[in-house]
Every structure is written in structure tokens, then in C-alpha cells.
């Protein structure tokens, strides 16, 4: 399902025009990105959490040049689904 599909589905079920739904979804994504960029997690009860994880420093190898490189510690965005969400997905047959 794409963003356009989500906009169409929400518009169809709520009766709100597509432009307003698209603007709302875009703003939601912007708020989530801004929050994660500032190190703040986003919690949506019954859905899940958008969190910032820290990957520790590690050594990697470049096989073609036969060299090792150090990948420094860095932060990545992650999504952790809520238990209710996970149970619904697991129940799909």
C-alpha cells in the first residue's frame, strides 16, 4: 500500500477531501521526522513507537581492497509495534 492508497482509503471512509488528508499525513510524517531528529521518541498507543536506536562502533571489511574500516557509533530510526498490533498481524491467515 502506498501513501496515495492510504490517502484514498482515508478520504473514502471519512468523507474528507483528498487534499486535506494528504496535507495531514504529510504533516504527521514531518512531525515524526523532526521529533526523531531531535532525539525524541514518538509513542502511538495501540499502534507502536518510533524510536531512535544507537548502533555501536564496529569494524567492517572491504573485501575487494582487503582493508578494514571502523564504522563509528551512530543513531538510526526504528519502529517497534505495539503488542495489540503484533497480535492482529499474527492472527492473519
N, C-alpha and C. Protein backbone atom coordinates (compact mmCIF):
# COMPACT_ATOMS: atom_id res chain seq x y z
N UNK A 1 0.85 -1.17 0.00
CA UNK A 1 0.00 0.00 0.00
C UNK A 1 0.90 1.24 0.00
N UNK A 2 0.59 2.18 -0.87
CA UNK A 2 1.38 3.40 -0.98
C UNK A 2 0.70 4.54 -0.22
N UNK A 3 1.39 5.66 -0.14
CA UNK A 3 0.81 6.84 0.51
C UNK A 3 -0.46 7.26 -0.22
N UNK A 4 -0.46 7.20 -1.54
CA UNK A 4 -1.65 7.57 -2.32
C UNK A 4 -2.82 6.65 -1.99
N UNK A 5 -2.54 5.35 -1.82
CA UNK A 5 -3.59 4.40 -1.45
C UNK A 5 -4.16 4.73 -0.06
N UNK A 6 -3.28 5.08 0.86
CA UNK A 6 -3.73 5.44 2.21
C UNK A 6 -4.60 6.68 2.17
N UNK A 7 -4.18 7.69 1.41
CA UNK A 7 -4.96 8.93 1.28
C UNK A 7 -6.34 8.62 0.70
N UNK A 8 -6.38 7.82 -0.33
CA UNK A 8 -7.65 7.45 -0.97
C UNK A 8 -8.56 6.72 0.01
N UNK A 9 -8.01 5.76 0.75
CA UNK A 9 -8.80 4.97 1.70
C UNK A 9 -9.36 5.85 2.82
N UNK A 10 -8.53 6.71 3.39
CA UNK A 10 -9.00 7.59 4.47
C UNK A 10 -10.04 8.56 3.94
N UNK A 11 -9.81 9.11 2.76
CA UNK A 11 -10.76 10.04 2.16
C UNK A 11 -12.11 9.37 1.90
N UNK A 12 -12.04 8.14 1.41
CA UNK A 12 -13.27 7.41 1.09
C UNK A 12 -14.07 7.08 2.36
N UNK A 13 -13.37 6.66 3.43
CA UNK A 13 -14.09 6.23 4.64
C UNK A 13 -14.53 7.38 5.53
N UNK A 14 -13.84 8.53 5.47
CA UNK A 14 -14.22 9.65 6.33
C UNK A 14 -15.00 10.74 5.62
N UNK A 15 -14.92 10.80 4.31
CA UNK A 15 -15.61 11.84 3.56
C UNK A 15 -14.83 13.14 3.49
N UNK A 16 -13.60 13.14 3.98
CA UNK A 16 -12.74 14.33 3.92
C UNK A 16 -12.06 14.33 2.56
N UNK A 17 -11.89 15.53 1.97
CA UNK A 17 -11.29 15.58 0.64
C UNK A 17 -9.82 15.13 0.69
N UNK A 18 -9.36 14.61 -0.44
CA UNK A 18 -8.02 14.03 -0.53
C UNK A 18 -6.92 15.03 -0.21
N UNK A 19 -7.08 16.27 -0.62
CA UNK A 19 -6.04 17.28 -0.38
C UNK A 19 -5.82 17.48 1.12
N UNK A 20 -6.90 17.52 1.90
CA UNK A 20 -6.78 17.70 3.35
C UNK A 20 -6.15 16.48 4.00
N UNK A 21 -6.54 15.32 3.55
CA UNK A 21 -5.97 14.08 4.10
C UNK A 21 -4.48 14.01 3.78
N UNK A 22 -4.10 14.32 2.55
CA UNK A 22 -2.69 14.30 2.16
C UNK A 22 -1.88 15.29 2.99
N UNK A 23 -2.41 16.49 3.18
CA UNK A 23 -1.72 17.51 3.97
C UNK A 23 -1.53 17.03 5.42
N UNK A 24 -2.54 16.38 5.98
CA UNK A 24 -2.46 15.87 7.34
C UNK A 24 -1.41 14.77 7.46
N UNK A 25 -1.39 13.85 6.51
CA UNK A 25 -0.41 12.76 6.52
C UNK A 25 1.00 13.31 6.36
N UNK A 26 1.17 14.26 5.46
CA UNK A 26 2.49 14.88 5.26
C UNK A 26 2.97 15.56 6.54
N UNK A 27 2.07 16.27 7.21
CA UNK A 27 2.43 16.96 8.45
C UNK A 27 2.77 15.96 9.54
N UNK A 28 2.02 14.86 9.62
CA UNK A 28 2.30 13.81 10.60
C UNK A 28 3.71 13.26 10.40
N UNK A 29 4.06 12.96 9.15
CA UNK A 29 5.39 12.41 8.86
C UNK A 29 6.47 13.43 9.19
N UNK A 30 6.20 14.70 8.93
CA UNK A 30 7.17 15.76 9.24
C UNK A 30 7.40 15.87 10.75
N UNK A 31 6.32 15.79 11.53
CA UNK A 31 6.43 15.87 12.98
C UNK A 31 7.22 14.67 13.52
N UNK A 32 6.95 13.47 13.00
CA UNK A 32 7.69 12.28 13.44
C UNK A 32 9.17 12.42 13.10
N UNK A 33 9.49 12.85 11.87
CA UNK A 33 10.89 13.03 11.47
C UNK A 33 11.59 14.07 12.33
N UNK A 34 10.92 15.20 12.57
CA UNK A 34 11.52 16.26 13.40
C UNK A 34 11.76 15.78 14.83
N UNK A 35 10.81 15.04 15.38
CA UNK A 35 10.95 14.53 16.74
C UNK A 35 12.12 13.56 16.84
N UNK A 36 12.21 12.64 15.89
CA UNK A 36 13.31 11.67 15.91
C UNK A 36 14.65 12.36 15.67
N UNK A 37 14.67 13.38 14.82
CA UNK A 37 15.91 14.12 14.55
C UNK A 37 16.43 14.82 15.81
N UNK A 38 15.50 15.24 16.67
CA UNK A 38 15.92 15.90 17.90
C UNK A 38 16.12 14.91 19.05
N UNK A 39 16.04 13.61 18.75
CA UNK A 39 16.29 12.58 19.76
C UNK A 39 15.09 12.22 20.61
N UNK A 40 13.91 12.69 20.23
CA UNK A 40 12.69 12.44 20.98
C UNK A 40 11.90 11.30 20.32
N UNK A 41 11.52 10.29 21.11
CA UNK A 41 10.74 9.17 20.59
C UNK A 41 9.27 9.58 20.45
N UNK A 42 8.55 8.88 19.55
CA UNK A 42 7.13 9.13 19.33
C UNK A 42 6.36 7.87 19.67
N UNK A 43 5.42 7.97 20.61
CA UNK A 43 4.65 6.81 21.07
C UNK A 43 3.20 6.96 20.63
N UNK A 44 2.68 5.95 19.92
CA UNK A 44 1.29 5.93 19.48
C UNK A 44 0.63 4.70 20.11
N UNK A 45 -0.13 4.91 21.16
CA UNK A 45 -0.75 3.82 21.91
C UNK A 45 -1.62 2.95 20.99
N UNK A 46 -1.42 1.65 21.07
CA UNK A 46 -2.19 0.71 20.27
C UNK A 46 -1.62 0.50 18.87
N UNK A 47 -0.63 1.29 18.48
CA UNK A 47 -0.01 1.15 17.16
C UNK A 47 1.45 0.78 17.29
N UNK A 48 2.23 1.64 17.97
CA UNK A 48 3.64 1.35 18.16
C UNK A 48 4.43 2.60 18.46
N UNK A 49 5.75 2.45 18.47
CA UNK A 49 6.63 3.56 18.82
C UNK A 49 7.68 3.75 17.74
N UNK A 50 7.89 5.00 17.38
CA UNK A 50 9.00 5.37 16.51
C UNK A 50 10.12 5.79 17.46
N UNK A 51 11.24 5.07 17.43
CA UNK A 51 12.31 5.32 18.40
C UNK A 51 13.63 5.54 17.70
N UNK A 52 14.57 6.12 18.44
CA UNK A 52 15.92 6.32 17.94
C UNK A 52 16.80 5.29 18.63
N UNK A 53 17.47 4.44 17.83
CA UNK A 53 18.38 3.44 18.37
C UNK A 53 19.81 3.86 18.11
N UNK A 54 20.70 3.42 18.98
CA UNK A 54 22.11 3.72 18.81
C UNK A 54 22.83 2.45 18.38
N UNK A 55 23.48 2.51 17.24
CA UNK A 55 24.31 1.39 16.78
C UNK A 55 25.73 1.63 17.28
N UNK A 56 26.31 0.65 17.91
CA UNK A 56 27.65 0.83 18.45
C UNK A 56 28.70 0.76 17.34
N UNK A 57 29.90 1.24 17.69
CA UNK A 57 31.01 1.23 16.73
C UNK A 57 31.37 -0.21 16.39
N UNK A 58 31.72 -0.44 15.12
CA UNK A 58 32.12 -1.79 14.73
C UNK A 58 33.17 -1.73 13.63
N UNK A 59 33.85 -2.84 13.47
CA UNK A 59 34.88 -2.97 12.44
C UNK A 59 34.27 -3.73 11.26
N UNK A 60 34.47 -3.20 10.07
CA UNK A 60 33.97 -3.85 8.86
C UNK A 60 35.13 -4.07 7.90
N UNK A 61 34.92 -4.94 6.93
CA UNK A 61 35.98 -5.23 5.96
C UNK A 61 35.52 -4.90 4.56
N UNK A 62 36.42 -4.29 3.79
CA UNK A 62 36.20 -4.06 2.38
C UNK A 62 36.93 -5.21 1.67
N UNK A 63 36.19 -6.19 1.23
CA UNK A 63 36.78 -7.41 0.68
C UNK A 63 37.55 -7.13 -0.60
N UNK A 64 37.05 -6.24 -1.45
CA UNK A 64 37.73 -6.00 -2.73
C UNK A 64 39.10 -5.34 -2.55
N UNK A 65 39.25 -4.48 -1.53
CA UNK A 65 40.53 -3.81 -1.30
C UNK A 65 41.32 -4.47 -0.17
N UNK A 66 40.70 -5.45 0.49
CA UNK A 66 41.32 -6.18 1.60
C UNK A 66 41.77 -5.22 2.71
N UNK A 67 40.86 -4.32 3.09
CA UNK A 67 41.15 -3.37 4.16
C UNK A 67 40.04 -3.42 5.20
N UNK A 68 40.38 -2.94 6.39
CA UNK A 68 39.36 -2.84 7.43
C UNK A 68 39.04 -1.37 7.65
N UNK A 69 37.79 -1.12 7.97
CA UNK A 69 37.37 0.24 8.28
C UNK A 69 36.59 0.22 9.59
N UNK A 70 36.59 1.32 10.28
CA UNK A 70 35.83 1.47 11.51
C UNK A 70 34.56 2.24 11.18
N UNK A 71 33.42 1.65 11.49
CA UNK A 71 32.15 2.34 11.34
C UNK A 71 31.82 2.93 12.70
N UNK A 72 31.78 4.26 12.82
CA UNK A 72 31.58 4.88 14.13
C UNK A 72 30.17 4.64 14.67
N UNK A 73 30.01 4.84 15.97
CA UNK A 73 28.70 4.75 16.59
C UNK A 73 27.77 5.76 15.92
N UNK A 74 26.53 5.35 15.64
CA UNK A 74 25.58 6.25 15.01
C UNK A 74 24.16 5.90 15.41
N UNK A 75 23.26 6.81 15.17
CA UNK A 75 21.85 6.62 15.53
C UNK A 75 21.03 6.31 14.29
N UNK A 76 20.02 5.45 14.48
CA UNK A 76 19.13 5.09 13.38
C UNK A 76 17.68 5.14 13.86
N UNK A 77 16.74 5.45 12.97
CA UNK A 77 15.33 5.40 13.36
C UNK A 77 14.85 3.95 13.31
N UNK A 78 13.89 3.64 14.19
CA UNK A 78 13.34 2.28 14.22
C UNK A 78 11.87 2.37 14.62
N UNK A 79 11.12 1.33 14.28
CA UNK A 79 9.71 1.24 14.67
C UNK A 79 9.52 -0.02 15.49
N UNK A 80 8.87 0.12 16.64
CA UNK A 80 8.56 -1.03 17.48
C UNK A 80 7.04 -1.12 17.59
N UNK A 81 6.43 -2.14 16.98
CA UNK A 81 4.96 -2.24 17.01
C UNK A 81 4.45 -2.58 18.41
N UNK A 82 3.24 -2.13 18.71
CA UNK A 82 2.59 -2.42 19.98
C UNK A 82 2.14 -3.87 20.01
N UNK A 83 1.94 -4.41 21.21
CA UNK A 83 1.52 -5.81 21.35
C UNK A 83 0.20 -6.07 20.62
N UNK A 84 -0.75 -5.14 20.74
CA UNK A 84 -2.05 -5.29 20.09
C UNK A 84 -1.87 -5.39 18.57
N UNK A 85 -1.01 -4.54 18.03
CA UNK A 85 -0.72 -4.52 16.60
C UNK A 85 -0.11 -5.86 16.18
N UNK A 86 0.87 -6.33 16.95
CA UNK A 86 1.54 -7.59 16.63
C UNK A 86 0.55 -8.77 16.65
N UNK A 87 -0.34 -8.78 17.63
CA UNK A 87 -1.32 -9.86 17.73
C UNK A 87 -2.26 -9.87 16.53
N UNK A 88 -2.65 -8.69 16.05
CA UNK A 88 -3.53 -8.61 14.88
C UNK A 88 -2.83 -9.13 13.64
N UNK A 89 -1.56 -8.78 13.48
CA UNK A 89 -0.80 -9.23 12.31
C UNK A 89 -0.59 -10.76 12.37
N UNK A 90 -0.29 -11.28 13.57
CA UNK A 90 -0.07 -12.72 13.72
C UNK A 90 -1.35 -13.52 13.46
N UNK A 91 -2.51 -12.90 13.69
CA UNK A 91 -3.78 -13.59 13.53
C UNK A 91 -4.19 -13.73 12.05
N UNK A 92 -3.48 -13.08 11.15
CA UNK A 92 -3.82 -13.17 9.72
C UNK A 92 -3.52 -14.57 9.22
N UNK A 93 -4.46 -15.13 8.54
CA UNK A 93 -4.28 -16.50 8.00
C UNK A 93 -4.05 -16.46 6.53
